[in-house]
Amino acid sequence: MSLPHGTGKEKRVAVFARGADAAAATEAGAALVGGEDLVARVAEAKGIDADVVVATPDMMGLLGRVARILGPKCGSRG
């Protein structure tokens, strides 16, 4: 994430996506990228090491399993 004047802090972004969207997120520098595998890791660990979480619309159905864990970190991209 880049702001015009910056905050002085790096944000760790997790992206729930598949295919080309996952590849684009990795290329853009997301700290964590995955689909079902990332949902399973979040559920197993009961947490996620990220400041911001975004998901593609096709992944939103899977995030219901870990919604309480992700809480306010979760957003969506349309």
PDB file of N, CA and C in Angstrom:
ATOM      1  N   MET A   1       0.854  -1.158   0.000  1.00  0.00           N
ATOM      2  CA  MET A   1       0.000   0.000   0.000  1.00  0.00           C
ATOM      3  C   MET A   1       0.903   1.224   0.000  1.00  0.00           C
ATOM      4  N   SER A   2       0.585   2.182  -0.826  1.00  0.00           N
ATOM      5  CA  SER A   2       1.409   3.371  -0.940  1.00  0.00           C
ATOM      6  C   SER A   2       0.545   4.612  -0.792  1.00  0.00           C
ATOM      7  N   LEU A   3       0.922   5.472   0.122  1.00  0.00           N
ATOM      8  CA  LEU A   3       0.214   6.728   0.341  1.00  0.00           C
ATOM      9  C   LEU A   3       1.097   7.880  -0.108  1.00  0.00           C
ATOM     10  N   PRO A   4       0.501   8.991  -0.528  1.00  0.00           N
ATOM     11  CA  PRO A   4       1.304  10.108  -1.038  1.00  0.00           C
ATOM     12  C   PRO A   4       2.382  10.594  -0.075  1.00  0.00           C
ATOM     13  N   HIS A   5       2.064  10.677   1.191  1.00  0.00           N
ATOM     14  CA  HIS A   5       3.027  11.164   2.168  1.00  0.00           C
ATOM     15  C   HIS A   5       3.522  10.056   3.095  1.00  0.00           C
ATOM     16  N   GLY A   6       3.033   8.844   2.865  1.00  0.00           N
ATOM     17  CA  GLY A   6       3.469   7.697   3.645  1.00  0.00           C
ATOM     18  C   GLY A   6       3.064   7.776   5.106  1.00  0.00           C
ATOM     19  N   THR A   7       3.207   6.670   5.799  1.00  0.00           N
ATOM     20  CA  THR A   7       2.922   6.618   7.230  1.00  0.00           C
ATOM     21  C   THR A   7       4.163   6.229   8.009  1.00  0.00           C
ATOM     22  N   GLY A   8       5.194   5.824   7.284  1.00  0.00           N
ATOM     23  CA  GLY A   8       6.412   5.370   7.944  1.00  0.00           C
ATOM     24  C   GLY A   8       6.348   3.913   8.360  1.00  0.00           C
ATOM     25  N   LYS A   9       5.212   3.251   8.120  1.00  0.00           N
ATOM     26  CA  LYS A   9       5.044   1.857   8.507  1.00  0.00           C
ATOM     27  C   LYS A   9       4.690   1.027   7.283  1.00  0.00           C
ATOM     28  N   GLU A  10       5.242  -0.169   7.225  1.00  0.00           N
ATOM     29  CA  GLU A  10       4.896  -1.121   6.170  1.00  0.00           C
ATOM     30  C   GLU A  10       3.623  -1.855   6.588  1.00  0.00           C
ATOM     31  N   LYS A  11       2.706  -2.027   5.664  1.00  0.00           N
ATOM     32  CA  LYS A  11       1.487  -2.797   5.916  1.00  0.00           C
ATOM     33  C   LYS A  11       1.636  -4.164   5.271  1.00  0.00           C
ATOM     34  N   ARG A  12       1.306  -5.211   6.038  1.00  0.00           N
ATOM     35  CA  ARG A  12       1.308  -6.570   5.500  1.00  0.00           C
ATOM     36  C   ARG A  12      -0.096  -6.858   4.976  1.00  0.00           C
ATOM     37  N   VAL A  13      -0.185  -7.161   3.686  1.00  0.00           N
ATOM     38  CA  VAL A  13      -1.463  -7.404   3.033  1.00  0.00           C
ATOM     39  C   VAL A  13      -1.603  -8.884   2.709  1.00  0.00           C
ATOM     40  N   ALA A  14      -2.755  -9.453   3.061  1.00  0.00           N
ATOM     41  CA  ALA A  14      -3.092 -10.822   2.698  1.00  0.00           C
ATOM     42  C   ALA A  14      -4.186 -10.763   1.643  1.00  0.00           C
ATOM     43  N   VAL A  15      -4.050 -11.578   0.610  1.00  0.00           N
ATOM     44  CA  VAL A  15      -5.014 -11.584  -0.486  1.00  0.00           C
ATOM     45  C   VAL A  15      -5.554 -12.999  -0.671  1.00  0.00           C
ATOM     46  N   PHE A  16      -6.877 -13.113  -0.621  1.00  0.00           N
ATOM     47  CA  PHE A  16      -7.538 -14.373  -0.905  1.00  0.00           C
ATOM     48  C   PHE A  16      -7.974 -14.312  -2.363  1.00  0.00           C
ATOM     49  N   ALA A  17      -7.298 -15.080  -3.218  1.00  0.00           N
ATOM     50  CA  ALA A  17      -7.583 -15.060  -4.648  1.00  0.00           C
ATOM     51  C   ALA A  17      -7.086 -16.338  -5.294  1.00  0.00           C
ATOM     52  N   ARG A  18      -7.572 -16.580  -6.521  1.00  0.00           N
ATOM     53  CA  ARG A  18      -7.152 -17.744  -7.303  1.00  0.00           C
ATOM     54  C   ARG A  18      -6.615 -17.282  -8.656  1.00  0.00           C
ATOM     55  N   GLY A  19      -5.861 -18.141  -9.284  1.00  0.00           N
ATOM     56  CA  GLY A  19      -5.444 -17.945 -10.667  1.00  0.00           C
ATOM     57  C   GLY A  19      -4.691 -16.665 -10.937  1.00  0.00           C
ATOM     58  N   ALA A  20      -5.138 -15.956 -11.979  1.00  0.00           N
ATOM     59  CA  ALA A  20      -4.453 -14.735 -12.411  1.00  0.00           C
ATOM     60  C   ALA A  20      -4.489 -13.660 -11.332  1.00  0.00           C
ATOM     61  N   ASP A  21      -5.584 -13.592 -10.571  1.00  0.00           N
ATOM     62  CA  ASP A  21      -5.656 -12.598  -9.488  1.00  0.00           C
ATOM     63  C   ASP A  21      -4.614 -12.881  -8.415  1.00  0.00           C
ATOM     64  N   ALA A  22      -4.398 -14.154  -8.104  1.00  0.00           N
ATOM     65  CA  ALA A  22      -3.381 -14.528  -7.119  1.00  0.00           C
ATOM     66  C   ALA A  22      -1.987 -14.180  -7.631  1.00  0.00           C
ATOM     67  N   ALA A  23      -1.755 -14.446  -8.902  1.00  0.00           N
ATOM     68  CA  ALA A  23      -0.450 -14.125  -9.490  1.00  0.00           C
ATOM     69  C   ALA A  23      -0.207 -12.618  -9.472  1.00  0.00           C
ATOM     70  N   ALA A  24      -1.246 -11.842  -9.770  1.00  0.00           N
ATOM     71  CA  ALA A  24      -1.118 -10.383  -9.756  1.00  0.00           C
ATOM     72  C   ALA A  24      -0.850  -9.868  -8.351  1.00  0.00           C
ATOM     73  N   ALA A  25      -1.495 -10.461  -7.350  1.00  0.00           N
ATOM     74  CA  ALA A  25      -1.280 -10.050  -5.962  1.00  0.00           C
ATOM     75  C   ALA A  25       0.143 -10.350  -5.514  1.00  0.00           C
ATOM     76  N   THR A  26       0.652 -11.510  -5.903  1.00  0.00           N
ATOM     77  CA  THR A  26       2.025 -11.873  -5.575  1.00  0.00           C
ATOM     78  C   THR A  26       2.998 -10.899  -6.223  1.00  0.00           C
ATOM     79  N   GLU A  27       2.758 -10.602  -7.489  1.00  0.00           N
ATOM     80  CA  GLU A  27       3.614  -9.676  -8.222  1.00  0.00           C
ATOM     81  C   GLU A  27       3.578  -8.275  -7.618  1.00  0.00           C
ATOM     82  N   ALA A  28       2.417  -7.895  -7.078  1.00  0.00           N
ATOM     83  CA  ALA A  28       2.269  -6.565  -6.480  1.00  0.00           C
ATOM     84  C   ALA A  28       2.906  -6.477  -5.096  1.00  0.00           C
ATOM     85  N   GLY A  29       3.303  -7.618  -4.533  1.00  0.00           N
ATOM     86  CA  GLY A  29       4.003  -7.592  -3.259  1.00  0.00           C
ATOM     87  C   GLY A  29       3.185  -7.955  -2.041  1.00  0.00           C
ATOM     88  N   ALA A  30       2.049  -8.619  -2.229  1.00  0.00           N
ATOM     89  CA  ALA A  30       1.247  -9.046  -1.087  1.00  0.00           C
ATOM     90  C   ALA A  30       2.052 -10.012  -0.227  1.00  0.00           C
ATOM     91  N   ALA A  31       1.917  -9.885   1.087  1.00  0.00           N
ATOM     92  CA  ALA A  31       2.671 -10.727   2.014  1.00  0.00           C
ATOM     93  C   ALA A  31       2.174 -12.171   2.008  1.00  0.00           C
ATOM     94  N   LEU A  32       0.862 -12.351   1.910  1.00  0.00           N
ATOM     95  CA  LEU A  32       0.256 -13.679   1.884  1.00  0.00           C
ATOM     96  C   LEU A  32      -0.740 -13.723   0.738  1.00  0.00           C
ATOM     97  N   VAL A  33      -0.695 -14.776  -0.053  1.00  0.00           N
ATOM     98  CA  VAL A  33      -1.625 -14.948  -1.166  1.00  0.00           C
ATOM     99  C   VAL A  33      -2.048 -16.400  -1.201  1.00  0.00           C
ATOM    100  N   GLY A  34      -3.342 -16.634  -1.340  1.00  0.00           N
ATOM    101  CA  GLY A  34      -3.810 -18.009  -1.454  1.00  0.00           C
ATOM    102  C   GLY A  34      -5.310 -18.079  -1.579  1.00  0.00           C
ATOM    103  N   GLY A  35      -5.783 -19.289  -1.758  1.00  0.00           N
ATOM    104  CA  GLY A  35      -7.208 -19.558  -1.868  1.00  0.00           C
ATOM    105  C   GLY A  35      -7.633 -20.435  -0.707  1.00  0.00           C
ATOM    106  N   GLU A  36      -8.095 -21.630  -1.048  1.00  0.00           N
ATOM    107  CA  GLU A  36      -8.540 -22.569  -0.022  1.00  0.00           C
ATOM    108  C   GLU A  36      -7.424 -22.902   0.963  1.00  0.00           C
ATOM    109  N   ASP A  37      -6.189 -22.971   0.462  1.00  0.00           N
ATOM    110  CA  ASP A  37      -5.047 -23.280   1.323  1.00  0.00           C
ATOM    111  C   ASP A  37      -4.836 -22.205   2.382  1.00  0.00           C
ATOM    112  N   LEU A  38      -5.005 -20.936   2.008  1.00  0.00           N
ATOM    113  CA  LEU A  38      -4.825 -19.841   2.964  1.00  0.00           C
ATOM    114  C   LEU A  38      -5.966 -19.813   3.972  1.00  0.00           C
ATOM    115  N   VAL A  39      -7.194 -20.123   3.525  1.00  0.00           N
ATOM    116  CA  VAL A  39      -8.336 -20.217   4.451  1.00  0.00           C
ATOM    117  C   VAL A  39      -8.060 -21.299   5.487  1.00  0.00           C
ATOM    118  N   ALA A  40      -7.553 -22.447   5.042  1.00  0.00           N
ATOM    119  CA  ALA A  40      -7.245 -23.548   5.963  1.00  0.00           C
ATOM    120  C   ALA A  40      -6.157 -23.148   6.958  1.00  0.00           C
ATOM    121  N   ARG A  41      -5.125 -22.438   6.486  1.00  0.00           N
ATOM    122  CA  ARG A  41      -4.048 -22.000   7.391  1.00  0.00           C
ATOM    123  C   ARG A  41      -4.567 -21.028   8.438  1.00  0.00           C
ATOM    124  N   VAL A  42      -5.443 -20.116   8.033  1.00  0.00           N
ATOM    125  CA  VAL A  42      -6.014 -19.147   8.971  1.00  0.00           C
ATOM    126  C   VAL A  42      -6.853 -19.879  10.012  1.00  0.00           C
ATOM    127  N   ALA A  43      -7.663 -20.832   9.572  1.00  0.00           N
ATOM    128  CA  ALA A  43      -8.514 -21.585  10.497  1.00  0.00           C
ATOM    129  C   ALA A  43      -7.673 -22.394  11.482  1.00  0.00           C
ATOM    130  N   GLU A  44      -6.621 -23.025  10.991  1.00  0.00           N
ATOM    131  CA  GLU A  44      -5.761 -23.846  11.846  1.00  0.00           C
ATOM    132  C   GLU A  44      -5.013 -22.995  12.862  1.00  0.00           C
ATOM    133  N   ALA A  45      -4.482 -21.863  12.422  1.00  0.00           N
ATOM    134  CA  ALA A  45      -3.703 -20.995  13.301  1.00  0.00           C
ATOM    135  C   ALA A  45      -4.582 -20.094  14.161  1.00  0.00           C
ATOM    136  N   LYS A  46      -5.855 -20.008  13.813  1.00  0.00           N
ATOM    137  CA  LYS A  46      -6.802 -19.118  14.507  1.00  0.00           C
ATOM    138  C   LYS A  46      -6.324 -17.666  14.482  1.00  0.00           C
ATOM    139  N   GLY A  47      -5.714 -17.290  13.357  1.00  0.00           N
ATOM    140  CA  GLY A  47      -5.237 -15.928  13.192  1.00  0.00           C
ATOM    141  C   GLY A  47      -4.511 -15.772  11.878  1.00  0.00           C
ATOM    142  N   ILE A  48      -4.123 -14.536  11.606  1.00  0.00           N
ATOM    143  CA  ILE A  48      -3.397 -14.248  10.376  1.00  0.00           C
ATOM    144  C   ILE A  48      -2.420 -13.116  10.657  1.00  0.00           C
ATOM    145  N   ASP A  49      -1.226 -13.232  10.116  1.00  0.00           N
ATOM    146  CA  ASP A  49      -0.204 -12.216  10.328  1.00  0.00           C
ATOM    147  C   ASP A  49      -0.270 -11.205   9.186  1.00  0.00           C
ATOM    148  N   ALA A  50      -1.316 -10.373   9.214  1.00  0.00           N
ATOM    149  CA  ALA A  50      -1.505  -9.347   8.188  1.00  0.00           C
ATOM    150  C   ALA A  50      -2.249  -8.172   8.802  1.00  0.00           C
ATOM    151  N   ASP A  51      -1.989  -6.997   8.263  1.00  0.00           N
ATOM    152  CA  ASP A  51      -2.674  -5.797   8.727  1.00  0.00           C
ATOM    153  C   ASP A  51      -3.971  -5.560   7.967  1.00  0.00           C
ATOM    154  N   VAL A  52      -3.985  -5.972   6.704  1.00  0.00           N
ATOM    155  CA  VAL A  52      -5.129  -5.766   5.825  1.00  0.00           C
ATOM    156  C   VAL A  52      -5.391  -7.052   5.065  1.00  0.00           C
ATOM    157  N   VAL A  53      -6.664  -7.402   4.913  1.00  0.00           N
ATOM    158  CA  VAL A  53      -7.050  -8.585   4.157  1.00  0.00           C
ATOM    159  C   VAL A  53      -8.019  -8.164   3.072  1.00  0.00           C
ATOM    160  N   VAL A  54      -7.754  -8.594   1.842  1.00  0.00           N
ATOM    161  CA  VAL A  54      -8.673  -8.362   0.734  1.00  0.00           C
ATOM    162  C   VAL A  54      -8.960  -9.694   0.055  1.00  0.00           C
ATOM    163  N   ALA A  55     -10.104  -9.746  -0.622  1.00  0.00           N
ATOM    164  CA  ALA A  55     -10.499 -10.977  -1.292  1.00  0.00           C
ATOM    165  C   ALA A  55     -11.208 -10.651  -2.591  1.00  0.00           C
ATOM    166  N   THR A  56     -11.011 -11.510  -3.570  1.00  0.00           N
ATOM    167  CA  THR A  56     -11.759 -11.373  -4.808  1.00  0.00           C
ATOM    168  C   THR A  56     -13.180 -11.867  -4.546  1.00  0.00           C
ATOM    169  N   PRO A  57     -14.150 -11.424  -5.313  1.00  0.00           N
ATOM    170  CA  PRO A  57     -15.542 -11.806  -5.069  1.00  0.00           C
ATOM    171  C   PRO A  57     -15.767 -13.318  -5.050  1.00  0.00           C
ATOM    172  N   ASP A  58     -15.066 -14.067  -5.891  1.00  0.00           N
ATOM    173  CA  ASP A  58     -15.260 -15.520  -5.920  1.00  0.00           C
ATOM    174  C   ASP A  58     -14.775 -16.215  -4.647  1.00  0.00           C
ATOM    175  N   MET A  59     -13.982 -15.555  -3.840  1.00  0.00           N
ATOM    176  CA  MET A  59     -13.464 -16.148  -2.600  1.00  0.00           C
ATOM    177  C   MET A  59     -14.324 -15.822  -1.383  1.00  0.00           C
ATOM    178  N   MET A  60     -15.229 -14.881  -1.503  1.00  0.00           N
ATOM    179  CA  MET A  60     -16.004 -14.428  -0.348  1.00  0.00           C
ATOM    180  C   MET A  60     -16.793 -15.556   0.314  1.00  0.00           C
ATOM    181  N   GLY A  61     -17.302 -16.501  -0.446  1.00  0.00           N
ATOM    182  CA  GLY A  61     -18.043 -17.618   0.128  1.00  0.00           C
ATOM    183  C   GLY A  61     -17.193 -18.475   1.047  1.00  0.00           C
ATOM    184  N   LEU A  62     -15.936 -18.662   0.706  1.00  0.00           N
ATOM    185  CA  LEU A  62     -15.035 -19.458   1.541  1.00  0.00           C
ATOM    186  C   LEU A  62     -14.643 -18.747   2.831  1.00  0.00           C
ATOM    187  N   LEU A  63     -14.642 -17.430   2.806  1.00  0.00           N
ATOM    188  CA  LEU A  63     -14.189 -16.672   3.976  1.00  0.00           C
ATOM    189  C   LEU A  63     -15.163 -16.739   5.143  1.00  0.00           C
ATOM    190  N   GLY A  64     -16.380 -17.209   4.884  1.00  0.00           N
ATOM    191  CA  GLY A  64     -17.349 -17.374   5.970  1.00  0.00           C
ATOM    192  C   GLY A  64     -16.827 -18.277   7.070  1.00  0.00           C
ATOM    193  N   ARG A  65     -15.994 -19.254   6.690  1.00  0.00           N
ATOM    194  CA  ARG A  65     -15.426 -20.184   7.674  1.00  0.00           C
ATOM    195  C   ARG A  65     -14.488 -19.504   8.663  1.00  0.00           C
ATOM    196  N   VAL A  66     -13.854 -18.419   8.238  1.00  0.00           N
ATOM    197  CA  VAL A  66     -12.871 -17.751   9.090  1.00  0.00           C
ATOM    198  C   VAL A  66     -13.236 -16.279   9.342  1.00  0.00           C
ATOM    199  N   ALA A  67     -14.481 -15.927   9.097  1.00  0.00           N
ATOM    200  CA  ALA A  67     -14.906 -14.528   9.220  1.00  0.00           C
ATOM    201  C   ALA A  67     -14.679 -13.966  10.620  1.00  0.00           C
ATOM    202  N   ARG A  68     -14.964 -14.735  11.634  1.00  0.00           N
ATOM    203  CA  ARG A  68     -14.773 -14.234  13.006  1.00  0.00           C
ATOM    204  C   ARG A  68     -13.293 -14.016  13.327  1.00  0.00           C
ATOM    205  N   ILE A  69     -12.442 -14.791  12.714  1.00  0.00           N
ATOM    206  CA  ILE A  69     -10.999 -14.642  12.935  1.00  0.00           C
ATOM    207  C   ILE A  69     -10.487 -13.391  12.226  1.00  0.00           C
ATOM    208  N   LEU A  70     -10.941 -13.197  10.986  1.00  0.00           N
ATOM    209  CA  LEU A  70     -10.467 -12.060  10.199  1.00  0.00           C
ATOM    210  C   LEU A  70     -11.042 -10.741  10.683  1.00  0.00           C
ATOM    211  N   GLY A  71     -12.271 -10.757  11.141  1.00  0.00           N
ATOM    212  CA  GLY A  71     -12.898  -9.557  11.700  1.00  0.00           C
ATOM    213  C   GLY A  71     -12.768  -8.337  10.819  1.00  0.00           C
ATOM    214  N   PRO A  72     -12.331  -7.222  11.388  1.00  0.00           N
ATOM    215  CA  PRO A  72     -12.309  -5.961  10.643  1.00  0.00           C
ATOM    216  C   PRO A  72     -11.202  -5.858   9.601  1.00  0.00           C
ATOM    217  N   LYS A  73     -10.346  -6.867   9.468  1.00  0.00           N
ATOM    218  CA  LYS A  73      -9.267  -6.797   8.483  1.00  0.00           C
ATOM    219  C   LYS A  73      -9.762  -7.096   7.068  1.00  0.00           C
ATOM    220  N   CYS A  74     -10.948  -7.658   6.940  1.00  0.00           N
ATOM    221  CA  CYS A  74     -11.426  -8.169   5.666  1.00  0.00           C
ATOM    222  C   CYS A  74     -12.158  -7.107   4.856  1.00  0.00           C
ATOM    223  N   GLY A  75     -11.842  -7.051   3.574  1.00  0.00           N
ATOM    224  CA  GLY A  75     -12.526  -6.182   2.628  1.00  0.00           C
ATOM    225  C   GLY A  75     -12.728  -6.953   1.345  1.00  0.00           C
ATOM    226  N   SER A  76     -13.281  -6.340   0.341  1.00  0.00           N
ATOM    227  CA  SER A  76     -13.447  -7.030  -0.936  1.00  0.00           C
ATOM    228  C   SER A  76     -13.090  -6.116  -2.078  1.00  0.00           C
ATOM    229  N   ARG A  77     -12.717  -6.717  -3.153  1.00  0.00           N
ATOM    230  CA  ARG A  77     -12.349  -5.993  -4.372  1.00  0.00           C
ATOM    231  C   ARG A  77     -13.390  -6.340  -5.428  1.00  0.00           C
ATOM    232  N   GLY A  78     -13.931  -5.358  -6.093  1.00  0.00           N
ATOM    233  CA  GLY A  78     -14.979  -5.636  -7.068  1.00  0.00           C
ATOM    234  C   GLY A  78     -14.601  -5.478  -8.459  1.00  0.00           C
TER     235      GLY A  78
END
